[in-house]
Protein backbone atom coordinates (compact mmCIF):
# COMPACT_ATOMS: atom_id res chain seq x y z
CA MET A 1 122.65 41.87 147.48
CA ASN A 2 121.39 45.23 146.01
CA ARG A 3 124.21 45.93 144.12
CA PRO A 4 125.00 48.83 142.59
CA SER A 5 123.95 50.04 138.79
CA ALA A 6 127.03 50.72 136.13
CA THR A 7 124.50 52.47 133.86
CA GLN A 8 123.18 54.72 136.99
CA ARG A 9 123.96 57.98 136.31
CA ILE A 10 122.05 60.83 138.58
CA PRO A 11 123.01 64.92 137.49
CA THR A 12 124.50 67.03 139.45
CA ARG A 13 122.66 70.18 140.41
CA PHE A 14 124.04 73.18 142.07
CA VAL A 15 122.55 76.25 144.77
CA ALA A 16 123.41 79.34 146.05
CA ASN A 17 123.99 78.49 149.64
CA GLY A 18 125.32 81.46 151.12
CA ALA A 19 129.34 82.39 150.29
CA ILE A 20 129.19 78.92 148.57
CA ARG A 21 127.40 77.08 146.04
CA THR A 22 126.14 73.82 146.86
CA ALA A 23 126.64 70.87 144.80
CA PHE A 24 123.82 67.84 145.22
CA HIS A 25 122.39 64.78 144.15
CA ASP A 26 118.13 65.13 143.94
CA ILE A 27 115.67 62.40 142.69
CA GLY A 28 113.02 64.47 142.72
CA HIS A 29 108.79 64.67 141.59
CA ASP A 30 110.92 66.18 137.90
CA ILE A 31 114.57 64.69 138.08
CA GLY A 32 113.53 61.60 139.15
CA HIS A 33 110.81 60.85 135.97
CA GLU A 34 113.68 62.18 133.64
CA ILE A 35 116.35 59.63 134.74
CA GLY A 36 113.78 56.50 135.60
CA TYR A 37 112.83 57.31 138.93
CA ASP A 38 108.93 56.31 139.38
CA VAL A 39 108.53 58.97 142.73
CA GLY A 40 104.84 58.42 143.39
CA ALA A 41 102.84 60.75 144.12
CA GLY A 42 105.37 62.94 146.09
CA ASP A 43 103.28 62.62 149.74
CA ALA A 44 106.60 62.03 151.92
CA ALA A 45 108.89 64.27 153.59
CA PRO A 46 112.05 64.58 151.16
CA PHE A 47 115.40 62.69 152.89
CA VAL A 48 118.49 64.55 152.93
CA LEU A 49 121.34 61.94 153.30
CA VAL A 50 124.72 64.08 154.48
CA HIS A 51 128.27 62.55 154.38
CA GLY A 52 131.04 62.56 156.70
CA PHE A 53 134.74 63.50 156.14
CA THR A 54 136.22 63.52 152.61
CA GLY A 55 133.26 61.64 151.12
CA SER A 56 131.11 63.09 149.48
CA LYS A 57 127.55 62.73 147.62
CA LEU A 58 129.39 60.04 145.48
CA ASP A 59 128.83 57.87 149.23
CA PHE A 60 125.13 57.24 148.70
CA ARG A 61 124.16 57.34 144.72
CA ASP A 62 123.46 53.88 144.73
CA GLN A 63 120.99 54.38 147.37
CA LEU A 64 118.88 57.65 146.28
CA SER A 65 116.73 55.50 144.28
CA TRP A 66 115.66 53.17 146.60
CA PHE A 67 113.78 55.41 148.69
CA ALA A 68 112.69 57.84 146.04
CA HIS A 69 108.73 56.50 145.95
CA GLY A 70 106.66 58.88 146.90
CA ARG A 71 109.45 61.03 148.26
CA ARG A 72 112.67 63.63 147.20
CA VAL A 73 116.20 62.04 148.28
CA LEU A 74 118.86 64.25 148.25
CA ALA A 75 122.27 63.99 148.95
CA PRO A 76 124.68 67.38 149.15
CA ASP A 77 128.43 67.32 149.41
CA GLN A 78 129.74 69.35 152.13
CA ARG A 79 131.49 72.29 152.43
CA GLY A 80 135.17 71.48 150.65
CA HIS A 81 134.00 68.43 149.54
CA GLY A 82 132.88 67.06 146.29
CA GLU A 83 131.59 69.87 143.86
CA THR A 84 130.65 72.13 146.50
CA SER A 85 132.69 75.56 147.18
CA HIS A 86 136.00 75.52 148.29
CA ALA A 87 136.05 77.83 151.46
CA ARG A 88 136.74 78.22 155.24
CA PRO A 89 135.92 78.61 157.95
CA TYR A 90 136.00 74.35 157.80
CA ARG A 91 133.91 74.13 161.26
CA LEU A 92 131.26 71.63 162.71
CA GLN A 93 129.06 74.64 163.04
CA GLN A 94 129.87 76.30 159.52
CA LEU A 95 128.21 73.01 158.40
CA VAL A 96 125.35 73.36 160.54
CA ASP A 97 124.52 76.47 158.93
CA ASP A 98 124.93 75.33 155.05
CA LEU A 99 122.85 72.38 155.95
CA LEU A 100 120.26 75.06 157.06
CA GLY A 101 121.03 77.00 153.86
CA PHE A 102 120.73 74.12 151.42
CA LEU A 103 116.92 73.32 152.72
CA ASP A 104 115.98 76.61 152.29
CA ALA A 105 118.12 76.59 148.82
CA ALA A 106 116.28 73.58 147.66
CA GLY A 107 112.47 74.78 149.19
CA ILE A 108 112.67 72.18 151.89
CA ALA A 109 110.70 73.10 155.06
CA ARG A 110 110.79 70.00 156.47
CA CYS A 111 112.72 66.32 155.85
CA HIS A 112 114.31 63.17 157.48
CA LEU A 113 117.94 63.38 158.16
CA LEU A 114 120.51 60.98 158.04
CA GLY A 115 124.17 61.74 158.78
CA HIS A 116 126.81 59.47 158.63
CA SER A 117 130.22 59.86 160.42
CA MET A 118 131.60 63.77 160.25
CA GLY A 119 127.50 64.26 158.84
CA GLY A 120 126.06 62.83 161.78
CA MET A 121 127.95 65.26 163.80
CA VAL A 122 126.42 68.04 161.54
CA ALA A 123 123.10 66.34 161.67
CA MET A 124 123.04 65.90 165.63
CA ARG A 125 123.81 69.62 166.32
CA PHE A 126 121.18 70.68 163.84
CA ALA A 127 118.60 68.66 165.21
CA VAL A 128 119.32 70.56 168.33
CA GLU A 129 119.63 73.87 167.04
CA HIS A 130 116.43 73.49 164.32
CA GLY A 131 114.35 70.75 165.61
CA ALA A 132 111.36 72.18 163.70
CA ARG A 133 113.01 71.23 160.33
CA LEU A 134 112.97 67.81 160.88
CA GLU A 135 110.67 64.54 160.84
CA SER A 136 113.10 62.47 161.62
CA LEU A 137 117.15 61.64 162.57
CA ILE A 138 119.09 59.37 161.58
CA LEU A 139 122.98 59.42 162.88
CA MET A 140 124.89 56.54 161.15
CA ASP A 141 128.21 55.66 162.34
CA THR A 142 129.07 58.80 164.67
CA SER A 143 129.49 60.37 167.96
CA ALA A 144 128.68 63.29 170.22
CA GLU A 145 132.40 63.91 171.27
CA PRO A 146 135.69 64.15 169.97
CA LEU A 147 137.00 62.05 167.94
CA LYS A 148 140.87 60.41 168.27
CA MET A 149 141.31 59.35 164.55
CA MET A 150 145.68 59.39 165.29
CA SER A 151 148.49 60.46 167.58
CA ALA A 152 148.95 64.47 167.31
CA ALA A 153 152.50 63.46 165.45
CA THR A 154 150.62 61.16 163.14
CA ARG A 155 148.29 64.51 162.05
CA GLU A 156 151.33 66.37 161.87
CA ALA A 157 153.02 64.24 159.54
CA THR A 158 149.63 63.53 157.23
CA ASN A 159 148.50 67.05 156.63
CA ARG A 160 151.93 68.08 155.92
CA ALA A 161 151.61 65.48 153.12
CA VAL A 162 148.33 66.72 152.41
CA LEU A 163 149.74 70.22 152.06
CA GLU A 164 152.55 69.20 149.39
CA GLN A 165 151.26 66.38 147.61
CA GLY A 166 147.76 67.22 147.62
CA LEU A 167 144.66 64.54 149.06
CA PRO A 168 145.17 61.90 146.39
CA SER A 169 148.69 60.89 147.52
CA LEU A 170 147.01 59.39 150.66
CA VAL A 171 145.58 56.62 148.30
CA PRO A 172 148.70 54.43 148.58
CA MET A 173 148.63 54.47 152.21
CA PHE A 174 144.82 53.62 152.53
CA LYS A 175 145.72 50.74 149.81
CA SER A 176 147.90 49.39 152.64
CA ALA A 177 146.22 49.34 155.60
CA PRO A 178 144.42 45.94 156.68
CA ARG A 179 140.98 45.54 155.62
CA SER A 180 138.61 43.83 157.96
CA ALA A 181 135.97 41.08 156.73
CA SER A 182 133.42 44.12 157.05
CA ALA A 183 136.02 46.40 155.07
CA LEU A 184 136.16 43.72 152.04
CA ARG A 185 132.73 42.82 152.28
CA GLY A 186 132.35 47.12 150.83
CA ILE A 187 134.90 46.84 148.28
CA ASP A 188 133.19 43.37 146.79
CA TYR A 189 130.18 45.69 146.84
CA LEU A 190 131.54 48.51 144.84
CA GLY A 191 133.83 46.17 142.67
CA GLU A 192 137.66 46.83 143.48
CA GLU A 193 138.11 49.24 140.36
CA GLU A 194 135.13 51.15 141.39
CA HIS A 195 135.86 51.39 144.66
CA TRP A 196 139.54 53.21 144.83
CA ARG A 197 137.80 54.96 141.34
CA ARG A 198 135.80 56.88 143.88
CA ILE A 199 137.95 57.41 146.80
CA GLU A 200 140.77 59.09 144.14
CA THR A 201 137.58 61.35 143.00
CA LYS A 202 136.71 62.21 146.29
CA LEU A 203 140.17 63.13 147.46
CA ALA A 204 140.47 64.91 144.37
CA GLN A 205 137.71 66.62 144.73
CA MET A 206 138.36 67.72 148.32
CA ASP A 207 140.22 70.90 149.45
CA PRO A 208 143.26 70.00 151.56
CA ASN A 209 142.82 72.58 153.73
CA ALA A 210 139.36 71.04 154.27
CA PHE A 211 141.10 67.77 155.38
CA VAL A 212 143.85 69.42 158.05
CA ASP A 213 141.33 71.66 159.48
CA PHE A 214 138.30 69.25 159.95
CA ALA A 215 140.71 66.77 161.21
CA ARG A 216 141.42 69.15 163.73
CA GLU A 217 138.18 70.35 164.49
CA LEU A 218 137.19 66.59 164.83
CA GLY A 219 139.16 65.81 167.71
CA GLU A 220 138.97 68.65 169.56
CA THR A 221 135.13 70.00 169.44
CA PRO A 222 133.25 70.05 172.52
CA SER A 223 130.75 66.81 173.59
CA VAL A 224 127.49 67.69 172.44
CA LEU A 225 126.16 64.02 174.19
CA ALA A 226 124.39 66.11 177.14
CA ASP A 227 122.25 68.70 174.45
CA LEU A 228 121.20 65.42 172.72
CA ALA A 229 118.56 64.78 175.31
CA LYS A 230 116.91 68.39 173.77
CA ILE A 231 115.77 66.27 170.52
CA ARG A 232 112.15 65.15 170.28
CA CYS A 233 112.13 64.02 166.41
CA ARG A 234 111.70 60.29 166.18
CA THR A 235 115.50 59.20 166.16
CA THR A 236 117.64 56.11 165.03
CA VAL A 237 121.05 55.34 166.15
CA LEU A 238 122.60 52.97 163.56
CA VAL A 239 126.00 51.72 163.80
CA GLY A 240 127.89 48.65 162.34
CA VAL A 241 128.74 45.75 164.95
CA ASP A 242 132.63 45.95 163.22
CA ASP A 243 133.06 49.97 163.50
CA VAL A 244 134.53 49.52 167.03
CA PRO A 245 135.28 53.53 167.77
CA PHE A 246 132.11 54.12 167.20
CA VAL A 247 129.87 51.13 168.95
CA GLU A 248 129.99 52.33 172.54
CA PRO A 249 129.48 56.16 171.47
CA SER A 250 126.34 55.17 169.25
CA ALA A 251 124.83 53.29 172.35
CA ARG A 252 125.84 56.70 175.01
CA MET A 253 123.82 59.10 172.01
CA ALA A 254 120.64 56.56 171.84
CA ALA A 255 120.91 56.34 175.72
CA THR A 256 120.90 60.22 175.65
CA ILE A 257 118.17 61.29 172.94
CA PRO A 258 114.28 60.10 174.50
CA ASN A 259 113.25 57.65 172.62
CA ALA A 260 115.89 56.62 170.15
CA ALA A 261 116.08 53.56 168.55
CA LEU A 262 119.98 52.02 168.31
CA VAL A 263 119.91 49.56 165.38
CA ARG A 264 123.33 47.31 165.15
CA ILE A 265 123.71 46.40 161.78
CA ASP A 266 125.86 42.91 161.62
CA GLU A 267 128.67 42.47 159.54
CA ALA A 268 129.15 46.28 158.88
CA ALA A 269 131.64 48.33 159.90
CA HIS A 270 131.82 52.24 159.04
CA SER A 271 129.95 52.00 156.04
CA PRO A 272 127.40 49.53 156.40
CA GLN A 273 125.31 51.01 153.10
CA TYR A 274 128.08 49.16 151.18
CA GLU A 275 129.13 46.52 153.72
CA ASN A 276 125.75 44.99 154.47
CA ALA A 277 123.43 46.68 152.16
CA ASP A 278 120.81 44.86 152.37
CA ALA A 279 120.18 44.94 156.05
CA TRP A 280 121.14 48.91 156.01
CA ARG A 281 118.40 48.88 153.91
CA ASN A 282 115.60 47.07 155.69
CA ALA A 283 116.97 49.63 158.71
CA ILE A 284 116.48 52.74 156.60
CA GLU A 285 112.78 51.85 155.01
CA ALA A 286 112.25 50.87 158.99
CA HIS A 287 112.88 53.90 159.97
CA LEU A 288 110.89 55.79 157.64
CA ASP A 289 108.02 53.27 157.82
CA SER A 290 107.73 53.87 161.24
CA SER A 291 108.45 57.82 160.57
CA ARG A 292 104.68 57.44 158.66
CA ARG A 293 102.62 56.49 161.91
């Protein structure tokens, strides 16, 4: 198993992006050599990885170096998350616009794009609207349809707690929730202490208003499944076999996107980059290798 290095340090960079400042990790030609990675000649298109709801660039920090051989690899924090600015509106379309602005600010004309969960909802909309900017697309544990994550009563109570007590107040609830075998694999990968440290860090960094607004948005956004037929770049739809809410939506997306490949990761749920890191890495590398042909 490819475990994260305790000594790995990737600096955070910032770029002006319209009304916000976007924070991101960037293993590029200059910074890659500074922190000890061989990025090679850099003749391949950059690879951009976009996190999901309540996530941040931390979700991919340990994996960036795996793909930084001959290419830039970048992971931005989305608006309201991580170290990026807190600023409404918190809408999926705004995140699509932010992604376009980020690529422009980072000097990226075309890239391979991976979107995870809510980041996948952003990435698929970006592919429909700005397909000329993509070499390829990976949609990971995501859906083209609205997500029913919790009942209206539960969402109202959760939102009230978040606005009154802050997002870190959710940590005890997360800790007491049942853990699947796949989730335990992910915790084992990072180590229990580091797993919870990252969750606490991401929740402390997130704007409570972003939590409330995006939770509503994810549940009420109209389906874009039919629009995915417009995507023309090479696409892989990737899902953990134990990520039950996303298995069937992933199959529907793969059936709609022309020539898309559907890849199921065994012994993984919503975060296969942790839960079955070797299989996830192999799937990503196969996708990137195929895109060179």
